[in-house]
Amino acid sequence: MMETMYKLIACDLDETLLTTTDPHVSKVNADAVKKLRSLGVKFVPATGRNFLTIKETLEELDLYDRENEYAISLNGAVLSENHNDRILYFHGIDFDLVKEIYERSKQYDVGLHVYTDTETYVKDLPVYEKEILSDRGLDFIEFNDIEEFRDRKLAKILYINRDYNYLKKVEQDFTDILDCVDLSYSSNRYFEFNAKGVNKGNGLRKLCEILNIDLSEVIAIGDNFNDLTMIEAAGLGVGVANAIPGMREHFDVITKNDCGHGAVAEVIERFIFNQK
């Protein structure tokens, strides 16, 4: 068996492993991940979604329900072993903080997602967002009253608007709660709120502690600002060719291919199998 200096690849899903229009893993990426695992290198999805919504992706990568294979979900709020969906770690957000963010949303032109540890709830979704979620096969439940969540385990809440500049202006109104939340952006339409200290970077650190893997032995792949902390934490931070402009300066390497043309396979071949 050939040797590699890397033991784990943490990879964002939407707009990195997957495209905006196709919910399925491409054959070139799936084959590369399976080849990667033949060396014992772990491939860990690191996503803002909850674990239940990535089942199909895990199946296509031959990672579903496998022991000693893992996922980072909800921006690092949850670490799971794929076998039996076993939660290893959960760091939720306080209900009163979620309620505050929800109440403030009424003054903005935004839709909402609220995530429990297992499900996605939505409110005031624009038509395009419903279409995107449906096209990707992602289940969601509409809610009316934020009080429904008072006794639930909450992982995050987010605002939706396709105008990224508008969301950046909204962010300016939240400086008073920065000591309570971690803020991030994804998919060029989501403004996300997790509990303070919850992000993909810290999720990756926690998983590496559990697995006794040094961060220098990790590759992280992403495209957007909710990937920034894991890109900075990993020994090698890689951006796909379609990464948003503001992120590009943070990557060690940017792939030649975009998410629709095997960017993840390119990373695996180049940095694990040393193929140009």
Protein backbone atom coordinates (compact mmCIF):
# COMPACT_ATOMS: atom_id res chain seq x y z
CA MET A 1 0.00 0.00 0.00
CA MET A 2 1.34 3.43 -0.94
CA GLU A 3 1.81 5.98 1.84
CA THR A 4 0.36 9.48 2.04
CA MET A 5 1.05 12.30 4.46
CA TYR A 6 -2.68 13.02 4.72
CA LYS A 7 -5.06 10.93 6.80
CA LEU A 8 -8.33 12.81 6.41
CA ILE A 9 -10.10 15.03 3.88
CA ALA A 10 -12.88 17.26 5.20
CA CYS A 11 -15.06 18.38 2.30
CA ASP A 12 -17.92 20.83 1.97
CA LEU A 13 -20.89 19.51 -0.01
CA ASP A 14 -22.93 22.19 -1.80
CA GLU A 15 -20.98 23.98 -4.54
CA THR A 16 -17.87 21.90 -3.66
CA LEU A 17 -18.60 18.17 -3.98
CA LEU A 18 -22.06 18.80 -5.43
CA THR A 19 -23.30 21.34 -7.97
CA THR A 20 -26.13 23.83 -7.62
CA THR A 21 -28.29 21.87 -10.09
CA ASP A 22 -27.49 18.19 -9.41
CA PRO A 23 -27.94 16.60 -5.97
CA HIS A 24 -25.91 13.53 -6.96
CA VAL A 25 -22.19 12.89 -6.57
CA SER A 26 -20.53 12.68 -9.98
CA LYS A 27 -18.95 9.36 -10.93
CA VAL A 28 -15.48 10.88 -11.12
CA ASN A 29 -15.77 12.22 -7.56
CA ALA A 30 -17.37 9.03 -6.18
CA ASP A 31 -14.68 6.86 -7.76
CA ALA A 32 -11.93 9.11 -6.37
CA VAL A 33 -13.34 8.93 -2.84
CA LYS A 34 -13.58 5.13 -3.00
CA LYS A 35 -10.00 4.98 -4.27
CA LEU A 36 -8.97 7.31 -1.44
CA ARG A 37 -10.52 5.04 1.17
CA SER A 38 -8.53 2.08 -0.19
CA LEU A 39 -5.51 3.79 1.41
CA GLY A 40 -7.32 4.19 4.72
CA VAL A 41 -7.71 7.95 4.27
CA LYS A 42 -10.99 9.19 5.70
CA PHE A 43 -13.36 11.33 3.64
CA VAL A 44 -15.53 13.44 5.95
CA PRO A 45 -18.39 15.55 4.61
CA ALA A 46 -18.43 18.91 6.41
CA THR A 47 -21.72 20.63 5.77
CA GLY A 48 -24.19 23.19 7.01
CA ARG A 49 -26.97 20.66 6.47
CA ASN A 50 -28.18 18.24 9.11
CA PHE A 51 -27.00 14.64 9.03
CA LEU A 52 -30.28 13.13 7.83
CA THR A 53 -30.25 15.20 4.63
CA ILE A 54 -26.90 13.82 3.48
CA LYS A 55 -27.90 10.14 3.52
CA GLU A 56 -28.07 9.91 -0.27
CA THR A 57 -24.66 11.55 -0.64
CA LEU A 58 -23.14 9.12 1.86
CA GLU A 59 -24.71 6.20 0.00
CA GLU A 60 -23.23 7.40 -3.30
CA LEU A 61 -19.80 7.61 -1.64
CA ASP A 62 -20.24 4.16 -0.05
CA LEU A 63 -19.97 5.78 3.38
CA TYR A 64 -23.51 5.38 4.65
CA ASP A 65 -23.95 3.37 7.86
CA ARG A 66 -20.26 2.49 7.95
CA GLU A 67 -18.37 2.16 11.21
CA ASN A 68 -15.36 4.43 11.72
CA GLU A 69 -16.57 6.86 9.05
CA TYR A 70 -17.76 10.30 10.11
CA ALA A 71 -19.56 13.51 9.19
CA ILE A 72 -19.45 17.10 10.40
CA SER A 73 -22.89 18.69 10.08
CA LEU A 74 -24.75 21.89 10.89
CA ASN A 75 -21.51 23.87 10.55
CA GLY A 76 -19.79 21.85 13.28
CA ALA A 77 -22.65 21.75 15.78
CA VAL A 78 -22.87 17.98 15.30
CA LEU A 79 -20.24 15.27 14.82
CA SER A 80 -21.60 11.85 13.85
CA GLU A 81 -20.35 8.38 13.16
CA ASN A 82 -22.11 7.25 10.00
CA HIS A 83 -22.99 3.84 11.47
CA ASN A 84 -26.43 4.15 13.08
CA ASP A 85 -26.23 7.96 12.79
CA ARG A 86 -24.45 7.93 16.14
CA ILE A 87 -23.95 11.46 17.49
CA LEU A 88 -20.52 11.89 19.06
CA TYR A 89 -20.82 15.58 19.85
CA PHE A 90 -23.56 18.23 19.86
CA HIS A 91 -23.20 21.94 20.59
CA GLY A 92 -26.54 23.68 20.21
CA ILE A 93 -27.69 27.28 20.30
CA ASP A 94 -29.82 28.68 23.12
CA PHE A 95 -33.54 29.04 22.43
CA ASP A 96 -33.71 32.62 23.72
CA LEU A 97 -30.98 33.61 21.27
CA VAL A 98 -32.80 31.87 18.41
CA LYS A 99 -35.97 33.71 19.40
CA GLU A 100 -34.14 37.04 19.39
CA ILE A 101 -32.73 36.38 15.90
CA TYR A 102 -36.18 35.27 14.75
CA GLU A 103 -37.87 38.42 16.09
CA ARG A 104 -35.30 40.63 14.40
CA SER A 105 -35.91 38.86 11.09
CA LYS A 106 -39.33 40.54 10.85
CA GLN A 107 -37.70 43.84 9.94
CA TYR A 108 -35.77 42.33 7.01
CA ASP A 109 -36.60 40.86 3.64
CA VAL A 110 -35.53 37.34 4.52
CA GLY A 111 -36.82 33.79 4.79
CA LEU A 112 -35.82 31.49 7.64
CA HIS A 113 -34.41 28.05 8.34
CA VAL A 114 -34.37 26.71 11.91
CA TYR A 115 -32.42 23.50 12.50
CA THR A 116 -32.93 21.07 15.33
CA ASP A 117 -30.47 18.23 15.84
CA THR A 118 -32.36 16.16 13.26
CA GLU A 119 -34.79 18.28 11.22
CA THR A 120 -35.04 21.44 9.12
CA TYR A 121 -37.91 23.88 9.71
CA VAL A 122 -38.66 26.86 7.47
CA LYS A 123 -40.74 30.02 7.37
CA ASP A 124 -41.47 32.64 4.72
CA LEU A 125 -39.43 30.84 2.08
CA PRO A 126 -39.24 32.54 -1.32
CA VAL A 127 -40.36 30.39 -4.25
CA TYR A 128 -36.82 29.92 -5.55
CA GLU A 129 -35.69 28.51 -2.19
CA LYS A 130 -38.52 25.97 -2.08
CA GLU A 131 -37.59 24.90 -5.62
CA ILE A 132 -33.90 24.51 -4.72
CA LEU A 133 -34.65 22.42 -1.63
CA SER A 134 -37.13 20.26 -3.52
CA ASP A 135 -34.77 19.76 -6.47
CA ARG A 136 -32.09 18.59 -4.06
CA GLY A 137 -34.49 16.23 -2.33
CA LEU A 138 -34.09 18.01 1.02
CA ASP A 139 -36.99 17.58 3.44
CA PHE A 140 -38.28 20.59 5.34
CA ILE A 141 -41.20 21.39 7.63
CA GLU A 142 -42.98 24.76 7.71
CA PHE A 143 -43.52 26.32 11.12
CA ASN A 144 -45.63 29.22 12.39
CA ASP A 145 -44.58 29.99 15.96
CA ILE A 146 -41.01 30.13 17.25
CA GLU A 147 -42.30 28.93 20.63
CA GLU A 148 -42.64 25.49 19.04
CA PHE A 149 -38.89 25.13 19.59
CA ARG A 150 -38.63 26.19 23.22
CA ASP A 151 -37.94 22.66 24.49
CA ARG A 152 -36.13 21.38 21.39
CA LYS A 153 -32.42 20.85 20.80
CA LEU A 154 -31.52 23.66 18.39
CA ALA A 155 -28.38 23.72 16.25
CA LYS A 156 -28.67 26.91 14.18
CA ILE A 157 -30.89 29.47 12.50
CA LEU A 158 -30.29 31.25 9.19
CA TYR A 159 -31.66 34.03 7.00
CA ILE A 160 -32.22 33.60 3.24
CA ASN A 161 -31.92 36.25 0.54
CA ARG A 162 -30.25 35.92 -2.87
CA ASP A 163 -28.82 39.46 -2.57
CA TYR A 164 -25.52 38.82 -0.78
CA ASN A 165 -24.84 42.54 -0.39
CA TYR A 166 -28.19 42.93 1.34
CA LEU A 167 -27.27 40.19 3.83
CA LYS A 168 -23.94 41.90 4.51
CA LYS A 169 -25.86 45.06 5.42
CA VAL A 170 -28.13 43.04 7.71
CA GLU A 171 -25.04 41.65 9.45
CA GLN A 172 -24.14 45.14 10.62
CA ASP A 173 -27.18 45.08 12.93
CA PHE A 174 -25.85 42.10 14.87
CA THR A 175 -22.65 43.50 16.35
CA ASP A 176 -24.32 43.56 19.77
CA ILE A 177 -24.60 39.75 19.93
CA LEU A 178 -21.23 38.76 18.46
CA ASP A 179 -20.15 37.47 21.87
CA CYS A 180 -22.98 34.90 21.65
CA VAL A 181 -22.93 33.72 18.02
CA ASP A 182 -20.68 32.58 15.20
CA LEU A 183 -21.76 34.12 11.90
CA SER A 184 -21.09 32.68 8.45
CA TYR A 185 -22.34 32.67 4.87
CA SER A 186 -23.02 29.84 2.44
CA SER A 187 -24.48 29.15 -1.00
CA ASN A 188 -24.47 32.89 -1.74
CA ARG A 189 -27.89 33.26 -0.11
CA TYR A 190 -27.60 32.09 3.50
CA PHE A 191 -26.62 34.21 6.51
CA GLU A 192 -26.11 31.68 9.31
CA PHE A 193 -26.09 31.85 13.12
CA ASN A 194 -24.54 29.14 15.31
CA ALA A 195 -23.65 29.23 18.99
CA LYS A 196 -20.38 31.00 19.75
CA GLY A 197 -17.44 28.73 18.95
CA VAL A 198 -19.46 26.50 16.64
CA ASN A 199 -18.01 26.39 13.15
CA LYS A 200 -16.58 23.84 10.76
CA GLY A 201 -13.03 24.55 11.94
CA ASN A 202 -13.76 23.71 15.56
CA GLY A 203 -15.84 20.73 14.45
CA LEU A 204 -12.84 19.48 12.49
CA ARG A 205 -10.54 20.05 15.48
CA LYS A 206 -12.88 18.10 17.76
CA LEU A 207 -13.11 15.19 15.31
CA CYS A 208 -9.34 15.07 14.88
CA GLU A 209 -8.96 14.92 18.66
CA ILE A 210 -11.35 11.98 18.78
CA LEU A 211 -9.51 10.19 15.95
CA ASN A 212 -6.02 11.16 17.14
CA ILE A 213 -5.20 12.81 13.81
CA ASP A 214 -2.98 15.89 13.67
CA LEU A 215 -4.43 18.84 11.77
CA SER A 216 -1.28 18.92 9.64
CA GLU A 217 -2.48 15.58 8.25
CA VAL A 218 -5.79 17.05 7.06
CA ILE A 219 -6.95 18.53 3.75
CA ALA A 220 -10.04 20.77 3.83
CA ILE A 221 -11.93 21.62 0.64
CA GLY A 222 -14.54 24.37 0.31
CA ASP A 223 -15.96 27.29 -1.59
CA ASN A 224 -17.62 29.77 0.78
CA PHE A 225 -17.25 31.64 4.06
CA ASN A 226 -18.77 28.92 6.26
CA ASP A 227 -15.76 26.83 5.15
CA LEU A 228 -13.18 29.46 6.16
CA THR A 229 -12.46 28.17 9.68
CA MET A 230 -11.78 24.60 8.52
CA ILE A 231 -9.69 25.87 5.59
CA GLU A 232 -7.55 27.76 8.10
CA ALA A 233 -7.43 24.84 10.56
CA ALA A 234 -6.33 22.17 8.10
CA GLY A 235 -2.78 21.45 7.05
CA LEU A 236 -3.82 22.14 3.46
CA GLY A 237 -6.77 24.37 2.59
CA VAL A 238 -8.09 23.93 -0.94
CA GLY A 239 -10.66 26.02 -2.77
CA VAL A 240 -12.60 24.79 -5.78
CA ALA A 241 -12.40 26.90 -8.95
CA ASN A 242 -15.91 28.29 -8.38
CA ALA A 243 -15.07 29.54 -4.85
CA ILE A 244 -16.50 32.98 -4.18
CA PRO A 245 -14.08 35.90 -4.73
CA GLY A 246 -13.79 36.96 -1.09
CA MET A 247 -12.59 33.50 -0.07
CA ARG A 248 -9.93 32.94 -2.70
CA GLU A 249 -7.12 34.67 -0.81
CA HIS A 250 -7.56 32.25 2.11
CA PHE A 251 -6.81 29.04 0.22
CA ASP A 252 -3.38 27.44 -0.07
CA VAL A 253 -4.40 26.01 -3.45
CA ILE A 254 -7.29 26.54 -5.88
CA THR A 255 -8.28 23.70 -8.19
CA LYS A 256 -8.35 24.02 -11.97
CA ASN A 257 -11.78 22.37 -12.05
CA ASP A 258 -15.01 23.64 -10.55
CA CYS A 259 -17.59 21.69 -8.54
CA GLY A 260 -19.29 20.49 -11.71
CA HIS A 261 -16.13 19.05 -13.26
CA GLY A 262 -14.54 16.87 -10.60
CA ALA A 263 -12.75 19.40 -8.40
CA VAL A 264 -12.72 16.98 -5.44
CA ALA A 265 -11.32 14.18 -7.61
CA GLU A 266 -8.62 16.58 -8.76
CA VAL A 267 -7.60 17.23 -5.14
CA ILE A 268 -7.49 13.51 -4.33
CA GLU A 269 -5.43 12.62 -7.40
CA ARG A 270 -3.02 15.51 -6.94
CA PHE A 271 -2.38 15.46 -3.21
CA ILE A 272 -3.01 11.83 -2.26
CA PHE A 273 -1.93 9.90 -5.36
CA ASN A 274 0.56 12.55 -6.52
CA GLN A 275 -0.82 12.72 -10.04
CA LYS A 276 -0.61 16.04 -11.88
